[in-house]
Amino acid sequence: MTEEEAKDVLERIEYELGLHQPHSATRIVIHDLGLWARLETASGGATGLINGGTLFGWPVLLEPKCDASYTVLSI
């Protein structure tokens, strides 16, 4: 996954989180190993979104699958 593709996915995740009612999202599950690698190596500024197992303030987990880049799990 290129850096640009990862940024696009992060924008989609942030948008999807904005669609949920406050506090309804419980965690973000990353399925794409390339995206996970990009998140792990991101540092500082706008791209440093993963810190201590969180992304946009929500717990983030790795669960590889071939059919989706990510899932936002809700209550």
PDB file of N, CA and C in Angstrom:
ATOM      1  N   MET A   1       0.851  -1.167   0.000  1.00  0.00           N
ATOM      2  CA  MET A   1       0.000   0.000   0.000  1.00  0.00           C
ATOM      3  C   MET A   1       0.896   1.229   0.000  1.00  0.00           C
ATOM      4  N   THR A   2       0.614   2.146  -0.922  1.00  0.00           N
ATOM      5  CA  THR A   2       1.402   3.374  -0.985  1.00  0.00           C
ATOM      6  C   THR A   2       0.981   4.327   0.127  1.00  0.00           C
ATOM      7  N   GLU A   3       1.806   5.326   0.371  1.00  0.00           N
ATOM      8  CA  GLU A   3       1.491   6.330   1.387  1.00  0.00           C
ATOM      9  C   GLU A   3       0.193   7.066   1.031  1.00  0.00           C
ATOM     10  N   GLU A   4       0.013   7.372  -0.240  1.00  0.00           N
ATOM     11  CA  GLU A   4      -1.207   8.066  -0.683  1.00  0.00           C
ATOM     12  C   GLU A   4      -2.448   7.200  -0.458  1.00  0.00           C
ATOM     13  N   GLU A   5      -2.348   5.910  -0.771  1.00  0.00           N
ATOM     14  CA  GLU A   5      -3.479   5.001  -0.529  1.00  0.00           C
ATOM     15  C   GLU A   5      -3.810   4.921   0.961  1.00  0.00           C
ATOM     16  N   ALA A   6      -2.779   4.870   1.792  1.00  0.00           N
ATOM     17  CA  ALA A   6      -2.994   4.820   3.243  1.00  0.00           C
ATOM     18  C   ALA A   6      -3.684   6.089   3.729  1.00  0.00           C
ATOM     19  N   LYS A   7      -3.271   7.238   3.222  1.00  0.00           N
ATOM     20  CA  LYS A   7      -3.911   8.504   3.607  1.00  0.00           C
ATOM     21  C   LYS A   7      -5.380   8.513   3.196  1.00  0.00           C
ATOM     22  N   ASP A   8      -5.673   7.995   2.004  1.00  0.00           N
ATOM     23  CA  ASP A   8      -7.062   7.916   1.547  1.00  0.00           C
ATOM     24  C   ASP A   8      -7.901   7.035   2.470  1.00  0.00           C
ATOM     25  N   VAL A   9      -7.343   5.888   2.883  1.00  0.00           N
ATOM     26  CA  VAL A   9      -8.074   4.997   3.788  1.00  0.00           C
ATOM     27  C   VAL A   9      -8.292   5.686   5.130  1.00  0.00           C
ATOM     28  N   LEU A  10      -7.277   6.376   5.629  1.00  0.00           N
ATOM     29  CA  LEU A  10      -7.427   7.085   6.902  1.00  0.00           C
ATOM     30  C   LEU A  10      -8.505   8.157   6.825  1.00  0.00           C
ATOM     31  N   GLU A  11      -8.587   8.849   5.698  1.00  0.00           N
ATOM     32  CA  GLU A  11      -9.653   9.839   5.513  1.00  0.00           C
ATOM     33  C   GLU A  11     -11.023   9.170   5.532  1.00  0.00           C
ATOM     34  N   ARG A  12     -11.139   7.993   4.908  1.00  0.00           N
ATOM     35  CA  ARG A  12     -12.411   7.265   4.932  1.00  0.00           C
ATOM     36  C   ARG A  12     -12.772   6.808   6.342  1.00  0.00           C
ATOM     37  N   ILE A  13     -11.774   6.335   7.100  1.00  0.00           N
ATOM     38  CA  ILE A  13     -12.025   5.926   8.486  1.00  0.00           C
ATOM     39  C   ILE A  13     -12.496   7.121   9.303  1.00  0.00           C
ATOM     40  N   GLU A  14     -11.811   8.246   9.175  1.00  0.00           N
ATOM     41  CA  GLU A  14     -12.189   9.440   9.923  1.00  0.00           C
ATOM     42  C   GLU A  14     -13.605   9.884   9.549  1.00  0.00           C
ATOM     43  N   TYR A  15     -13.942   9.830   8.258  1.00  0.00           N
ATOM     44  CA  TYR A  15     -15.288  10.186   7.808  1.00  0.00           C
ATOM     45  C   TYR A  15     -16.318   9.236   8.404  1.00  0.00           C
ATOM     46  N   GLU A  16     -16.033   7.934   8.353  1.00  0.00           N
ATOM     47  CA  GLU A  16     -16.971   6.951   8.890  1.00  0.00           C
ATOM     48  C   GLU A  16     -17.167   7.140  10.396  1.00  0.00           C
ATOM     49  N   LEU A  17     -16.102   7.452  11.101  1.00  0.00           N
ATOM     50  CA  LEU A  17     -16.245   7.718  12.541  1.00  0.00           C
ATOM     51  C   LEU A  17     -17.144   8.924  12.783  1.00  0.00           C
ATOM     52  N   GLY A  18     -17.090   9.916  11.891  1.00  0.00           N
ATOM     53  CA  GLY A  18     -17.935  11.096  12.013  1.00  0.00           C
ATOM     54  C   GLY A  18     -19.403  10.793  11.776  1.00  0.00           C
ATOM     55  N   LEU A  19     -19.713   9.699  11.070  1.00  0.00           N
ATOM     56  CA  LEU A  19     -21.100   9.327  10.807  1.00  0.00           C
ATOM     57  C   LEU A  19     -21.755   8.665  12.017  1.00  0.00           C
ATOM     58  N   HIS A  20     -20.932   8.090  12.898  1.00  0.00           N
ATOM     59  CA  HIS A  20     -21.465   7.384  14.067  1.00  0.00           C
ATOM     60  C   HIS A  20     -21.852   8.388  15.158  1.00  0.00           C
ATOM     61  N   GLN A  21     -22.823   8.003  15.984  1.00  0.00           N
ATOM     62  CA  GLN A  21     -23.162   8.809  17.149  1.00  0.00           C
ATOM     63  C   GLN A  21     -21.945   8.836  18.066  1.00  0.00           C
ATOM     64  N   PRO A  22     -21.772   9.930  18.815  1.00  0.00           N
ATOM     65  CA  PRO A  22     -20.638   9.968  19.739  1.00  0.00           C
ATOM     66  C   PRO A  22     -20.663   8.740  20.658  1.00  0.00           C
ATOM     67  N   HIS A  23     -19.526   8.160  20.851  1.00  0.00           N
ATOM     68  CA  HIS A  23     -19.325   7.015  21.742  1.00  0.00           C
ATOM     69  C   HIS A  23     -19.933   5.716  21.226  1.00  0.00           C
ATOM     70  N   SER A  24     -20.465   5.662  20.004  1.00  0.00           N
ATOM     71  CA  SER A  24     -21.016   4.398  19.510  1.00  0.00           C
ATOM     72  C   SER A  24     -19.938   3.515  18.893  1.00  0.00           C
ATOM     73  N   ALA A  25     -18.874   4.104  18.377  1.00  0.00           N
ATOM     74  CA  ALA A  25     -17.779   3.291  17.849  1.00  0.00           C
ATOM     75  C   ALA A  25     -17.005   2.721  19.026  1.00  0.00           C
ATOM     76  N   THR A  26     -16.665   1.438  18.960  1.00  0.00           N
ATOM     77  CA  THR A  26     -15.941   0.811  20.052  1.00  0.00           C
ATOM     78  C   THR A  26     -14.485   0.542  19.708  1.00  0.00           C
ATOM     79  N   ARG A  27     -14.200   0.270  18.440  1.00  0.00           N
ATOM     80  CA  ARG A  27     -12.820   0.053  18.024  1.00  0.00           C
ATOM     81  C   ARG A  27     -12.748   0.013  16.499  1.00  0.00           C
ATOM     82  N   ILE A  28     -11.516   0.123  16.024  1.00  0.00           N
ATOM     83  CA  ILE A  28     -11.230   0.053  14.598  1.00  0.00           C
ATOM     84  C   ILE A  28     -10.383  -1.187  14.369  1.00  0.00           C
ATOM     85  N   VAL A  29     -10.795  -2.014  13.435  1.00  0.00           N
ATOM     86  CA  VAL A  29     -10.042  -3.222  13.112  1.00  0.00           C
ATOM     87  C   VAL A  29      -9.432  -3.030  11.725  1.00  0.00           C
ATOM     88  N   ILE A  30      -8.116  -3.109  11.655  1.00  0.00           N
ATOM     89  CA  ILE A  30      -7.394  -2.976  10.388  1.00  0.00           C
ATOM     90  C   ILE A  30      -7.206  -4.369   9.808  1.00  0.00           C
ATOM     91  N   HIS A  31      -7.600  -4.558   8.542  1.00  0.00           N
ATOM     92  CA  HIS A  31      -7.498  -5.847   7.885  1.00  0.00           C
ATOM     93  C   HIS A  31      -6.342  -5.901   6.887  1.00  0.00           C
ATOM     94  N   ASP A  32      -5.938  -4.774   6.369  1.00  0.00           N
ATOM     95  CA  ASP A  32      -4.911  -4.715   5.333  1.00  0.00           C
ATOM     96  C   ASP A  32      -3.524  -4.600   5.970  1.00  0.00           C
ATOM     97  N   LEU A  33      -2.674  -5.579   5.724  1.00  0.00           N
ATOM     98  CA  LEU A  33      -1.337  -5.575   6.328  1.00  0.00           C
ATOM     99  C   LEU A  33      -0.490  -4.403   5.853  1.00  0.00           C
ATOM    100  N   GLY A  34      -0.692  -3.976   4.606  1.00  0.00           N
ATOM    101  CA  GLY A  34       0.034  -2.819   4.099  1.00  0.00           C
ATOM    102  C   GLY A  34      -0.359  -1.547   4.833  1.00  0.00           C
ATOM    103  N   LEU A  35      -1.643  -1.397   5.111  1.00  0.00           N
ATOM    104  CA  LEU A  35      -2.114  -0.234   5.874  1.00  0.00           C
ATOM    105  C   LEU A  35      -1.548  -0.289   7.290  1.00  0.00           C
ATOM    106  N   TRP A  36      -1.580  -1.465   7.902  1.00  0.00           N
ATOM    107  CA  TRP A  36      -1.040  -1.616   9.257  1.00  0.00           C
ATOM    108  C   TRP A  36       0.435  -1.211   9.286  1.00  0.00           C
ATOM    109  N   ALA A  37       1.202  -1.661   8.297  1.00  0.00           N
ATOM    110  CA  ALA A  37       2.626  -1.315   8.229  1.00  0.00           C
ATOM    111  C   ALA A  37       2.806   0.195   8.109  1.00  0.00           C
ATOM    112  N   ARG A  38       1.974   0.840   7.289  1.00  0.00           N
ATOM    113  CA  ARG A  38       2.056   2.298   7.145  1.00  0.00           C
ATOM    114  C   ARG A  38       1.732   2.995   8.468  1.00  0.00           C
ATOM    115  N   LEU A  39       0.730   2.499   9.185  1.00  0.00           N
ATOM    116  CA  LEU A  39       0.360   3.095  10.463  1.00  0.00           C
ATOM    117  C   LEU A  39       1.460   2.910  11.500  1.00  0.00           C
ATOM    118  N   GLU A  40       2.083   1.739  11.495  1.00  0.00           N
ATOM    119  CA  GLU A  40       3.154   1.479  12.453  1.00  0.00           C
ATOM    120  C   GLU A  40       4.361   2.376  12.227  1.00  0.00           C
ATOM    121  N   THR A  41       4.637   2.719  10.990  1.00  0.00           N
ATOM    122  CA  THR A  41       5.818   3.523  10.695  1.00  0.00           C
ATOM    123  C   THR A  41       5.533   5.019  10.652  1.00  0.00           C
ATOM    124  N   ALA A  42       4.258   5.391  10.723  1.00  0.00           N
ATOM    125  CA  ALA A  42       3.909   6.823  10.694  1.00  0.00           C
ATOM    126  C   ALA A  42       4.471   7.508  11.949  1.00  0.00           C
ATOM    127  N   SER A  43       4.890   8.757  11.765  1.00  0.00           N
ATOM    128  CA  SER A  43       5.439   9.469  12.923  1.00  0.00           C
ATOM    129  C   SER A  43       5.098  10.947  12.844  1.00  0.00           C
ATOM    130  N   GLY A  44       4.606  11.489  13.969  1.00  0.00           N
ATOM    131  CA  GLY A  44       4.373  12.930  14.107  1.00  0.00           C
ATOM    132  C   GLY A  44       3.413  13.525  13.101  1.00  0.00           C
ATOM    133  N   GLY A  45       2.948  14.746  13.403  1.00  0.00           N
ATOM    134  CA  GLY A  45       2.098  15.512  12.497  1.00  0.00           C
ATOM    135  C   GLY A  45       0.826  14.800  12.095  1.00  0.00           C
ATOM    136  N   ALA A  46       0.293  15.152  10.928  1.00  0.00           N
ATOM    137  CA  ALA A  46      -0.992  14.635  10.458  1.00  0.00           C
ATOM    138  C   ALA A  46      -0.959  13.136  10.180  1.00  0.00           C
ATOM    139  N   THR A  47       0.214  12.592   9.867  1.00  0.00           N
ATOM    140  CA  THR A  47       0.270  11.165   9.570  1.00  0.00           C
ATOM    141  C   THR A  47       0.540  10.317  10.807  1.00  0.00           C
ATOM    142  N   GLY A  48       0.907  10.914  11.941  1.00  0.00           N
ATOM    143  CA  GLY A  48       1.183  10.161  13.161  1.00  0.00           C
ATOM    144  C   GLY A  48      -0.082   9.889  13.940  1.00  0.00           C
ATOM    145  N   LEU A  49      -0.978   9.109  13.354  1.00  0.00           N
ATOM    146  CA  LEU A  49      -2.305   8.914  13.933  1.00  0.00           C
ATOM    147  C   LEU A  49      -2.401   7.705  14.841  1.00  0.00           C
ATOM    148  N   ILE A  50      -1.413   6.854  14.809  1.00  0.00           N
ATOM    149  CA  ILE A  50      -1.475   5.674  15.680  1.00  0.00           C
ATOM    150  C   ILE A  50      -0.471   5.874  16.814  1.00  0.00           C
ATOM    151  N   ASN A  51      -0.939   5.716  18.052  1.00  0.00           N
ATOM    152  CA  ASN A  51      -0.089   5.955  19.210  1.00  0.00           C
ATOM    153  C   ASN A  51      -0.592   5.108  20.362  1.00  0.00           C
ATOM    154  N   GLY A  52       0.167   4.143  20.777  1.00  0.00           N
ATOM    155  CA  GLY A  52      -0.239   3.321  21.898  1.00  0.00           C
ATOM    156  C   GLY A  52      -1.470   2.488  21.627  1.00  0.00           C
ATOM    157  N   GLY A  53      -1.641   2.051  20.390  1.00  0.00           N
ATOM    158  CA  GLY A  53      -2.774   1.193  20.073  1.00  0.00           C
ATOM    159  C   GLY A  53      -4.067   1.924  19.806  1.00  0.00           C
ATOM    160  N   THR A  54      -4.012   3.220  19.499  1.00  0.00           N
ATOM    161  CA  THR A  54      -5.228   3.965  19.176  1.00  0.00           C
ATOM    162  C   THR A  54      -5.103   4.641  17.822  1.00  0.00           C
ATOM    163  N   LEU A  55      -6.240   4.870  17.210  1.00  0.00           N
ATOM    164  CA  LEU A  55      -6.331   5.585  15.946  1.00  0.00           C
ATOM    165  C   LEU A  55      -7.530   6.500  16.062  1.00  0.00           C
ATOM    166  N   PHE A  56      -7.322   7.802  15.928  1.00  0.00           N
ATOM    167  CA  PHE A  56      -8.378   8.800  16.128  1.00  0.00           C
ATOM    168  C   PHE A  56      -9.010   8.647  17.513  1.00  0.00           C
ATOM    169  N   GLY A  57      -8.230   8.184  18.487  1.00  0.00           N
ATOM    170  CA  GLY A  57      -8.727   8.047  19.846  1.00  0.00           C
ATOM    171  C   GLY A  57      -9.438   6.740  20.145  1.00  0.00           C
ATOM    172  N   TRP A  58      -9.556   5.854  19.175  1.00  0.00           N
ATOM    173  CA  TRP A  58     -10.238   4.572  19.367  1.00  0.00           C
ATOM    174  C   TRP A  58      -9.219   3.449  19.351  1.00  0.00           C
ATOM    175  N   PRO A  59      -9.437   2.392  20.142  1.00  0.00           N
ATOM    176  CA  PRO A  59      -8.530   1.242  20.090  1.00  0.00           C
ATOM    177  C   PRO A  59      -8.474   0.677  18.674  1.00  0.00           C
ATOM    178  N   VAL A  60      -7.292   0.283  18.271  1.00  0.00           N
ATOM    179  CA  VAL A  60      -7.119  -0.269  16.922  1.00  0.00           C
ATOM    180  C   VAL A  60      -6.464  -1.642  17.034  1.00  0.00           C
ATOM    181  N   LEU A  61      -6.993  -2.589  16.272  1.00  0.00           N
ATOM    182  CA  LEU A  61      -6.521  -3.970  16.289  1.00  0.00           C
ATOM    183  C   LEU A  61      -6.171  -4.415  14.878  1.00  0.00           C
ATOM    184  N   LEU A  62      -5.310  -5.408  14.771  1.00  0.00           N
ATOM    185  CA  LEU A  62      -4.982  -6.023  13.490  1.00  0.00           C
ATOM    186  C   LEU A  62      -5.699  -7.357  13.388  1.00  0.00           C
ATOM    187  N   GLU A  63      -6.475  -7.533  12.331  1.00  0.00           N
ATOM    188  CA  GLU A  63      -7.174  -8.793  12.042  1.00  0.00           C
ATOM    189  C   GLU A  63      -7.168  -8.973  10.531  1.00  0.00           C
ATOM    190  N   PRO A  64      -6.099  -9.589   9.989  1.00  0.00           N
ATOM    191  CA  PRO A  64      -5.966  -9.693   8.536  1.00  0.00           C
ATOM    192  C   PRO A  64      -7.151 -10.392   7.859  1.00  0.00           C
ATOM    193  N   LYS A  65      -7.618  -9.779   6.776  1.00  0.00           N
ATOM    194  CA  LYS A  65      -8.649 -10.342   5.900  1.00  0.00           C
ATOM    195  C   LYS A  65      -8.351  -9.852   4.498  1.00  0.00           C
ATOM    196  N   CYS A  66      -8.856 -10.537   3.505  1.00  0.00           N
ATOM    197  CA  CYS A  66      -8.585 -10.123   2.130  1.00  0.00           C
ATOM    198  C   CYS A  66      -9.740  -9.344   1.517  1.00  0.00           C
ATOM    199  N   ASP A  67     -10.847  -9.177   2.231  1.00  0.00           N
ATOM    200  CA  ASP A  67     -12.015  -8.559   1.611  1.00  0.00           C
ATOM    201  C   ASP A  67     -12.276  -7.110   2.021  1.00  0.00           C
ATOM    202  N   ALA A  68     -11.492  -6.562   2.941  1.00  0.00           N
ATOM    203  CA  ALA A  68     -11.722  -5.182   3.365  1.00  0.00           C
ATOM    204  C   ALA A  68     -10.442  -4.618   3.952  1.00  0.00           C
ATOM    205  N   SER A  69     -10.294  -3.271   3.892  1.00  0.00           N
ATOM    206  CA  SER A  69      -9.129  -2.623   4.477  1.00  0.00           C
ATOM    207  C   SER A  69      -9.283  -2.437   5.982  1.00  0.00           C
ATOM    208  N   TYR A  70     -10.525  -2.174   6.398  1.00  0.00           N
ATOM    209  CA  TYR A  70     -10.758  -1.885   7.815  1.00  0.00           C
ATOM    210  C   TYR A  70     -12.236  -2.091   8.126  1.00  0.00           C
ATOM    211  N   THR A  71     -12.556  -2.135   9.424  1.00  0.00           N
ATOM    212  CA  THR A  71     -13.933  -2.156   9.904  1.00  0.00           C
ATOM    213  C   THR A  71     -14.000  -1.269  11.129  1.00  0.00           C
ATOM    214  N   VAL A  72     -15.018  -0.413  11.207  1.00  0.00           N
ATOM    215  CA  VAL A  72     -15.293   0.344  12.418  1.00  0.00           C
ATOM    216  C   VAL A  72     -16.404  -0.407  13.134  1.00  0.00           C
ATOM    217  N   LEU A  73     -16.073  -0.930  14.305  1.00  0.00           N
ATOM    218  CA  LEU A  73     -17.064  -1.683  15.070  1.00  0.00           C
ATOM    219  C   LEU A  73     -17.815  -0.747  16.000  1.00  0.00           C
ATOM    220  N   SER A  74     -19.119  -0.917  16.088  1.00  0.00           N
ATOM    221  CA  SER A  74     -19.975  -0.069  16.900  1.00  0.00           C
ATOM    222  C   SER A  74     -20.769  -0.914  17.889  1.00  0.00           C
ATOM    223  N   ILE A  75     -21.301  -0.230  18.864  1.00  0.00           N
ATOM    224  CA  ILE A  75     -22.142  -0.873  19.867  1.00  0.00           C
ATOM    225  C   ILE A  75     -23.392  -1.398  19.205  1.00  0.00           C
TER     226      ILE A  75
END
